């Protein structure tokens, strides 16, 4: 397990992606250039609000809605 601090950033352009840059080589550490599961801590939110936000994101019916909700949360935390 790697613990590190990172900033979520929204990319400009047609695809409203939210990304984070890790301070180490993913391929070097894990031997893959594929997707990895990342656990994020919302330090600035109370635990019950964290759970509400996660439930709201996970409850989205489409991936587009899920991405909008993630982006909105990133904006709220910025």
PDB file of N, CA and C in Angstrom:
ATOM      1  N   UNK A   1       0.843  -1.169   0.000  1.00  0.00           N
ATOM      2  CA  UNK A   1       0.000   0.000   0.000  1.00  0.00           C
ATOM      3  C   UNK A   1       0.894   1.239   0.000  1.00  0.00           C
ATOM      4  N   UNK A   2       0.511   2.233  -0.793  1.00  0.00           N
ATOM      5  CA  UNK A   2       1.216   3.514  -0.852  1.00  0.00           C
ATOM      6  C   UNK A   2       0.294   4.595  -0.314  1.00  0.00           C
ATOM      7  N   UNK A   3       0.792   5.387   0.568  1.00  0.00           N
ATOM      8  CA  UNK A   3       0.019   6.518   1.072  1.00  0.00           C
ATOM      9  C   UNK A   3       0.712   7.782   0.609  1.00  0.00           C
ATOM     10  N   UNK A   4      -0.054   8.682   0.024  1.00  0.00           N
ATOM     11  CA  UNK A   4       0.517   9.920  -0.489  1.00  0.00           C
ATOM     12  C   UNK A   4      -0.576  10.970  -0.588  1.00  0.00           C
ATOM     13  N   UNK A   5      -0.165  12.209  -0.677  1.00  0.00           N
ATOM     14  CA  UNK A   5      -1.086  13.318  -0.882  1.00  0.00           C
ATOM     15  C   UNK A   5      -1.092  13.667  -2.359  1.00  0.00           C
ATOM     16  N   UNK A   6      -2.261  13.974  -2.894  1.00  0.00           N
ATOM     17  CA  UNK A   6      -2.387  14.372  -4.294  1.00  0.00           C
ATOM     18  C   UNK A   6      -3.566  15.318  -4.423  1.00  0.00           C
ATOM     19  N   UNK A   7      -3.568  16.075  -5.493  1.00  0.00           N
ATOM     20  CA  UNK A   7      -4.639  17.010  -5.767  1.00  0.00           C
ATOM     21  C   UNK A   7      -5.434  16.504  -6.954  1.00  0.00           C
ATOM     22  N   UNK A   8      -6.762  16.460  -6.826  1.00  0.00           N
ATOM     23  CA  UNK A   8      -7.614  16.107  -7.950  1.00  0.00           C
ATOM     24  C   UNK A   8      -7.744  17.337  -8.840  1.00  0.00           C
ATOM     25  N   UNK A   9      -7.560  17.141 -10.137  1.00  0.00           N
ATOM     26  CA  UNK A   9      -7.624  18.250 -11.085  1.00  0.00           C
ATOM     27  C   UNK A   9      -8.588  17.906 -12.209  1.00  0.00           C
ATOM     28  N   UNK A  10      -9.333  18.893 -12.631  1.00  0.00           N
ATOM     29  CA  UNK A  10     -10.243  18.697 -13.758  1.00  0.00           C
ATOM     30  C   UNK A  10      -9.525  19.116 -15.029  1.00  0.00           C
ATOM     31  N   UNK A  11      -9.496  18.230 -16.021  1.00  0.00           N
ATOM     32  CA  UNK A  11      -8.851  18.524 -17.289  1.00  0.00           C
ATOM     33  C   UNK A  11      -9.748  19.394 -18.150  1.00  0.00           C
ATOM     34  N   UNK A  12      -9.137  20.265 -18.900  1.00  0.00           N
ATOM     35  CA  UNK A  12      -9.866  21.104 -19.836  1.00  0.00           C
ATOM     36  C   UNK A  12     -10.088  20.320 -21.128  1.00  0.00           C
ATOM     37  N   UNK A  13     -11.148  20.653 -21.842  1.00  0.00           N
ATOM     38  CA  UNK A  13     -11.398  20.010 -23.121  1.00  0.00           C
ATOM     39  C   UNK A  13     -12.792  19.429 -23.187  1.00  0.00           C
ATOM     40  N   UNK A  14     -13.004  18.584 -24.190  1.00  0.00           N
ATOM     41  CA  UNK A  14     -14.334  18.018 -24.434  1.00  0.00           C
ATOM     42  C   UNK A  14     -14.734  16.988 -23.377  1.00  0.00           C
ATOM     43  N   UNK A  15     -13.771  16.228 -22.880  1.00  0.00           N
ATOM     44  CA  UNK A  15     -14.062  15.206 -21.874  1.00  0.00           C
ATOM     45  C   UNK A  15     -13.846  15.796 -20.484  1.00  0.00           C
ATOM     46  N   UNK A  16     -14.893  15.869 -19.671  1.00  0.00           N
ATOM     47  CA  UNK A  16     -14.748  16.469 -18.328  1.00  0.00           C
ATOM     48  C   UNK A  16     -14.138  15.482 -17.326  1.00  0.00           C
ATOM     49  N   UNK A  17     -12.902  15.068 -17.555  1.00  0.00           N
ATOM     50  CA  UNK A  17     -12.250  14.099 -16.689  1.00  0.00           C
ATOM     51  C   UNK A  17     -11.649  14.773 -15.473  1.00  0.00           C
ATOM     52  N   UNK A  18     -11.679  14.053 -14.368  1.00  0.00           N
ATOM     53  CA  UNK A  18     -10.989  14.479 -13.160  1.00  0.00           C
ATOM     54  C   UNK A  18      -9.846  13.505 -12.943  1.00  0.00           C
ATOM     55  N   UNK A  19      -8.644  14.015 -12.779  1.00  0.00           N
ATOM     56  CA  UNK A  19      -7.459  13.165 -12.675  1.00  0.00           C
ATOM     57  C   UNK A  19      -6.659  13.524 -11.434  1.00  0.00           C
ATOM     58  N   UNK A  20      -5.769  12.617 -11.063  1.00  0.00           N
ATOM     59  CA  UNK A  20      -4.780  12.920 -10.044  1.00  0.00           C
ATOM     60  C   UNK A  20      -3.460  12.343 -10.505  1.00  0.00           C
ATOM     61  N   UNK A  21      -2.406  12.989 -10.129  1.00  0.00           N
ATOM     62  CA  UNK A  21      -1.072  12.549 -10.496  1.00  0.00           C
ATOM     63  C   UNK A  21      -0.399  11.988  -9.253  1.00  0.00           C
ATOM     64  N   UNK A  22       0.067  10.741  -9.355  1.00  0.00           N
ATOM     65  CA  UNK A  22       0.715  10.097  -8.219  1.00  0.00           C
ATOM     66  C   UNK A  22       2.210  10.402  -8.239  1.00  0.00           C
ATOM     67  N   UNK A  23       2.826  10.536  -7.073  1.00  0.00           N
ATOM     68  CA  UNK A  23       4.238  10.917  -7.010  1.00  0.00           C
ATOM     69  C   UNK A  23       5.215   9.747  -7.140  1.00  0.00           C
ATOM     70  N   UNK A  24       4.815   8.695  -7.846  1.00  0.00           N
ATOM     71  CA  UNK A  24       5.696   7.557  -8.080  1.00  0.00           C
ATOM     72  C   UNK A  24       5.275   6.890  -9.383  1.00  0.00           C
ATOM     73  N   UNK A  25       6.087   5.985  -9.872  1.00  0.00           N
ATOM     74  CA  UNK A  25       5.803   5.290 -11.122  1.00  0.00           C
ATOM     75  C   UNK A  25       4.855   4.118 -10.858  1.00  0.00           C
ATOM     76  N   UNK A  26       3.642   4.196 -11.393  1.00  0.00           N
ATOM     77  CA  UNK A  26       2.664   3.119 -11.218  1.00  0.00           C
ATOM     78  C   UNK A  26       3.166   1.844 -11.871  1.00  0.00           C
ATOM     79  N   UNK A  27       3.687   1.949 -13.099  1.00  0.00           N
ATOM     80  CA  UNK A  27       4.180   0.748 -13.794  1.00  0.00           C
ATOM     81  C   UNK A  27       5.379   0.156 -13.066  1.00  0.00           C
ATOM     82  N   UNK A  28       6.228   0.998 -12.494  1.00  0.00           N
ATOM     83  CA  UNK A  28       7.379   0.500 -11.744  1.00  0.00           C
ATOM     84  C   UNK A  28       7.002  -0.183 -10.444  1.00  0.00           C
ATOM     85  N   UNK A  29       5.995   0.340  -9.754  1.00  0.00           N
ATOM     86  CA  UNK A  29       5.579  -0.203  -8.461  1.00  0.00           C
ATOM     87  C   UNK A  29       4.657  -1.418  -8.592  1.00  0.00           C
ATOM     88  N   UNK A  30       3.743  -1.376  -9.577  1.00  0.00           N
ATOM     89  CA  UNK A  30       2.723  -2.414  -9.676  1.00  0.00           C
ATOM     90  C   UNK A  30       2.836  -3.270 -10.932  1.00  0.00           C
ATOM     91  N   UNK A  31       3.735  -2.918 -11.843  1.00  0.00           N
ATOM     92  CA  UNK A  31       3.936  -3.709 -13.054  1.00  0.00           C
ATOM     93  C   UNK A  31       2.783  -3.631 -14.033  1.00  0.00           C
ATOM     94  N   UNK A  32       2.016  -2.546 -14.016  1.00  0.00           N
ATOM     95  CA  UNK A  32       0.889  -2.401 -14.930  1.00  0.00           C
ATOM     96  C   UNK A  32       0.706  -0.944 -15.306  1.00  0.00           C
ATOM     97  N   UNK A  33       0.215  -0.717 -16.505  1.00  0.00           N
ATOM     98  CA  UNK A  33      -0.168   0.627 -16.919  1.00  0.00           C
ATOM     99  C   UNK A  33      -1.684   0.755 -16.912  1.00  0.00           C
ATOM    100  N   UNK A  34      -2.374  -0.278 -16.399  1.00  0.00           N
ATOM    101  CA  UNK A  34      -3.830  -0.291 -16.367  1.00  0.00           C
ATOM    102  C   UNK A  34      -4.387   0.483 -15.185  1.00  0.00           C
ATOM    103  N   UNK A  35      -5.642   0.271 -14.935  1.00  0.00           N
ATOM    104  CA  UNK A  35      -6.322   0.971 -13.852  1.00  0.00           C
ATOM    105  C   UNK A  35      -5.972   0.369 -12.497  1.00  0.00           C
ATOM    106  N   UNK A  36      -5.941   1.233 -11.509  1.00  0.00           N
ATOM    107  CA  UNK A  36      -5.707   0.817 -10.134  1.00  0.00           C
ATOM    108  C   UNK A  36      -6.823   1.362  -9.267  1.00  0.00           C
ATOM    109  N   UNK A  37      -7.144   0.653  -8.221  1.00  0.00           N
ATOM    110  CA  UNK A  37      -8.121   1.133  -7.259  1.00  0.00           C
ATOM    111  C   UNK A  37      -7.434   2.115  -6.328  1.00  0.00           C
ATOM    112  N   UNK A  38      -8.054   3.263  -6.140  1.00  0.00           N
ATOM    113  CA  UNK A  38      -7.493   4.293  -5.269  1.00  0.00           C
ATOM    114  C   UNK A  38      -8.513   4.613  -4.197  1.00  0.00           C
ATOM    115  N   UNK A  39      -8.067   4.620  -2.962  1.00  0.00           N
ATOM    116  CA  UNK A  39      -8.932   4.988  -1.845  1.00  0.00           C
ATOM    117  C   UNK A  39      -8.617   6.427  -1.471  1.00  0.00           C
ATOM    118  N   UNK A  40      -9.634   7.262  -1.471  1.00  0.00           N
ATOM    119  CA  UNK A  40      -9.453   8.686  -1.226  1.00  0.00           C
ATOM    120  C   UNK A  40     -10.021   9.049   0.134  1.00  0.00           C
ATOM    121  N   UNK A  41      -9.336   9.926   0.830  1.00  0.00           N
ATOM    122  CA  UNK A  41      -9.826  10.422   2.115  1.00  0.00           C
ATOM    123  C   UNK A  41     -10.310  11.849   1.949  1.00  0.00           C
ATOM    124  N   UNK A  42     -11.482  12.114   2.460  1.00  0.00           N
ATOM    125  CA  UNK A  42     -12.031  13.461   2.430  1.00  0.00           C
ATOM    126  C   UNK A  42     -11.819  14.078   3.800  1.00  0.00           C
ATOM    127  N   UNK A  43     -10.620  14.485   4.055  1.00  0.00           N
ATOM    128  CA  UNK A  43     -10.247  14.969   5.388  1.00  0.00           C
ATOM    129  C   UNK A  43     -11.038  16.193   5.828  1.00  0.00           C
ATOM    130  N   UNK A  44     -11.456  16.990   4.866  1.00  0.00           N
ATOM    131  CA  UNK A  44     -12.118  18.240   5.248  1.00  0.00           C
ATOM    132  C   UNK A  44     -13.607  18.072   5.547  1.00  0.00           C
ATOM    133  N   UNK A  45     -14.153  16.884   5.341  1.00  0.00           N
ATOM    134  CA  UNK A  45     -15.581  16.648   5.584  1.00  0.00           C
ATOM    135  C   UNK A  45     -15.792  15.775   6.809  1.00  0.00           C
ATOM    136  N   UNK A  46     -16.881  16.023   7.506  1.00  0.00           N
ATOM    137  CA  UNK A  46     -17.249  15.159   8.635  1.00  0.00           C
ATOM    138  C   UNK A  46     -17.567  13.757   8.108  1.00  0.00           C
ATOM    139  N   UNK A  47     -17.346  12.720   8.914  1.00  0.00           N
ATOM    140  CA  UNK A  47     -17.572  11.344   8.454  1.00  0.00           C
ATOM    141  C   UNK A  47     -18.975  11.087   7.884  1.00  0.00           C
ATOM    142  N   UNK A  48     -20.008  11.638   8.496  1.00  0.00           N
ATOM    143  CA  UNK A  48     -21.351  11.373   7.980  1.00  0.00           C
ATOM    144  C   UNK A  48     -21.569  12.051   6.622  1.00  0.00           C
ATOM    145  N   UNK A  49     -20.927  13.192   6.395  1.00  0.00           N
ATOM    146  CA  UNK A  49     -21.041  13.855   5.095  1.00  0.00           C
ATOM    147  C   UNK A  49     -20.244  13.079   4.046  1.00  0.00           C
ATOM    148  N   UNK A  50     -19.107  12.553   4.428  1.00  0.00           N
ATOM    149  CA  UNK A  50     -18.329  11.714   3.514  1.00  0.00           C
ATOM    150  C   UNK A  50     -19.184  10.554   3.007  1.00  0.00           C
ATOM    151  N   UNK A  51     -19.851   9.875   3.929  1.00  0.00           N
ATOM    152  CA  UNK A  51     -20.682   8.722   3.567  1.00  0.00           C
ATOM    153  C   UNK A  51     -21.829   9.151   2.656  1.00  0.00           C
ATOM    154  N   UNK A  52     -22.457  10.277   2.958  1.00  0.00           N
ATOM    155  CA  UNK A  52     -23.544  10.782   2.115  1.00  0.00           C
ATOM    156  C   UNK A  52     -23.058  11.070   0.700  1.00  0.00           C
ATOM    157  N   UNK A  53     -21.889  11.690   0.580  1.00  0.00           N
ATOM    158  CA  UNK A  53     -21.336  12.003  -0.743  1.00  0.00           C
ATOM    159  C   UNK A  53     -21.015  10.728  -1.516  1.00  0.00           C
ATOM    160  N   UNK A  54     -20.416   9.754  -0.855  1.00  0.00           N
ATOM    161  CA  UNK A  54     -20.089   8.485  -1.509  1.00  0.00           C
ATOM    162  C   UNK A  54     -21.363   7.776  -1.949  1.00  0.00           C
ATOM    163  N   UNK A  55     -22.372   7.729  -1.092  1.00  0.00           N
ATOM    164  CA  UNK A  55     -23.639   7.093  -1.458  1.00  0.00           C
ATOM    165  C   UNK A  55     -24.286   7.785  -2.656  1.00  0.00           C
ATOM    166  N   UNK A  56     -24.205   9.100  -2.675  1.00  0.00           N
ATOM    167  CA  UNK A  56     -24.780   9.871  -3.780  1.00  0.00           C
ATOM    168  C   UNK A  56     -24.065   9.544  -5.092  1.00  0.00           C
ATOM    169  N   UNK A  57     -22.739   9.440  -5.058  1.00  0.00           N
ATOM    170  CA  UNK A  57     -21.970   9.109  -6.261  1.00  0.00           C
ATOM    171  C   UNK A  57     -22.256   7.672  -6.695  1.00  0.00           C
ATOM    172  N   UNK A  58     -22.206   6.729  -5.757  1.00  0.00           N
ATOM    173  CA  UNK A  58     -22.439   5.327  -6.093  1.00  0.00           C
ATOM    174  C   UNK A  58     -23.875   5.066  -6.536  1.00  0.00           C
ATOM    175  N   UNK A  59     -24.807   5.921  -6.125  1.00  0.00           N
ATOM    176  CA  UNK A  59     -26.209   5.737  -6.489  1.00  0.00           C
ATOM    177  C   UNK A  59     -26.563   6.233  -7.878  1.00  0.00           C
ATOM    178  N   UNK A  60     -25.609   6.817  -8.579  1.00  0.00           N
ATOM    179  CA  UNK A  60     -25.871   7.317  -9.932  1.00  0.00           C
ATOM    180  C   UNK A  60     -26.186   6.154 -10.863  1.00  0.00           C
ATOM    181  N   UNK A  61     -27.175   6.343 -11.712  1.00  0.00           N
ATOM    182  CA  UNK A  61     -27.591   5.279 -12.628  1.00  0.00           C
ATOM    183  C   UNK A  61     -26.724   5.195 -13.876  1.00  0.00           C
ATOM    184  N   UNK A  62     -26.113   6.305 -14.269  1.00  0.00           N
ATOM    185  CA  UNK A  62     -25.268   6.288 -15.461  1.00  0.00           C
ATOM    186  C   UNK A  62     -23.868   6.768 -15.102  1.00  0.00           C
ATOM    187  N   UNK A  63     -22.886   6.381 -15.919  1.00  0.00           N
ATOM    188  CA  UNK A  63     -21.512   6.824 -15.675  1.00  0.00           C
ATOM    189  C   UNK A  63     -21.387   8.328 -15.878  1.00  0.00           C
ATOM    190  N   UNK A  64     -22.191   8.886 -16.768  1.00  0.00           N
ATOM    191  CA  UNK A  64     -22.159  10.333 -16.992  1.00  0.00           C
ATOM    192  C   UNK A  64     -22.603  11.079 -15.725  1.00  0.00           C
ATOM    193  N   UNK A  65     -23.667  10.614 -15.098  1.00  0.00           N
ATOM    194  CA  UNK A  65     -24.140  11.231 -13.854  1.00  0.00           C
ATOM    195  C   UNK A  65     -23.101  11.056 -12.754  1.00  0.00           C
ATOM    196  N   UNK A  66     -22.492   9.873 -12.689  1.00  0.00           N
ATOM    197  CA  UNK A  66     -21.465   9.611 -11.684  1.00  0.00           C
ATOM    198  C   UNK A  66     -20.309  10.604 -11.840  1.00  0.00           C
ATOM    199  N   UNK A  67     -19.854  10.825 -13.081  1.00  0.00           N
ATOM    200  CA  UNK A  67     -18.758  11.755 -13.330  1.00  0.00           C
ATOM    201  C   UNK A  67     -19.146  13.181 -12.967  1.00  0.00           C
ATOM    202  N   UNK A  68     -20.384  13.573 -13.246  1.00  0.00           N
ATOM    203  CA  UNK A  68     -20.844  14.916 -12.876  1.00  0.00           C
ATOM    204  C   UNK A  68     -20.813  15.088 -11.362  1.00  0.00           C
ATOM    205  N   UNK A  69     -21.242  14.065 -10.649  1.00  0.00           N
ATOM    206  CA  UNK A  69     -21.258  14.144  -9.186  1.00  0.00           C
ATOM    207  C   UNK A  69     -19.850  14.175  -8.604  1.00  0.00           C
ATOM    208  N   UNK A  70     -18.946  13.409  -9.188  1.00  0.00           N
ATOM    209  CA  UNK A  70     -17.550  13.438  -8.736  1.00  0.00           C
ATOM    210  C   UNK A  70     -16.958  14.814  -8.986  1.00  0.00           C
ATOM    211  N   UNK A  71     -17.202  15.360 -10.168  1.00  0.00           N
ATOM    212  CA  UNK A  71     -16.687  16.684 -10.502  1.00  0.00           C
ATOM    213  C   UNK A  71     -17.249  17.747  -9.561  1.00  0.00           C
ATOM    214  N   UNK A  72     -18.536  17.641  -9.239  1.00  0.00           N
ATOM    215  CA  UNK A  72     -19.150  18.596  -8.317  1.00  0.00           C
ATOM    216  C   UNK A  72     -18.515  18.499  -6.932  1.00  0.00           C
ATOM    217  N   UNK A  73     -18.210  17.294  -6.479  1.00  0.00           N
ATOM    218  CA  UNK A  73     -17.576  17.119  -5.183  1.00  0.00           C
ATOM    219  C   UNK A  73     -16.159  17.688  -5.198  1.00  0.00           C
ATOM    220  N   UNK A  74     -15.436  17.459  -6.292  1.00  0.00           N
ATOM    221  CA  UNK A  74     -14.090  18.019  -6.415  1.00  0.00           C
ATOM    222  C   UNK A  74     -14.146  19.536  -6.335  1.00  0.00           C
ATOM    223  N   UNK A  75     -15.104  20.131  -7.030  1.00  0.00           N
ATOM    224  CA  UNK A  75     -15.260  21.585  -6.985  1.00  0.00           C
ATOM    225  C   UNK A  75     -15.590  22.061  -5.564  1.00  0.00           C
ATOM    226  N   UNK A  76     -16.448  21.317  -4.882  1.00  0.00           N
ATOM    227  CA  UNK A  76     -16.832  21.675  -3.515  1.00  0.00           C
ATOM    228  C   UNK A  76     -15.625  21.633  -2.581  1.00  0.00           C
ATOM    229  N   UNK A  77     -14.739  20.657  -2.787  1.00  0.00           N
ATOM    230  CA  UNK A  77     -13.582  20.496  -1.913  1.00  0.00           C
ATOM    231  C   UNK A  77     -12.437  21.426  -2.285  1.00  0.00           C
ATOM    232  N   UNK A  78     -12.494  22.029  -3.456  1.00  0.00           N
ATOM    233  CA  UNK A  78     -11.401  22.919  -3.894  1.00  0.00           C
ATOM    234  C   UNK A  78     -11.447  24.254  -3.195  1.00  0.00           C
TER     235      UNK A  78
END
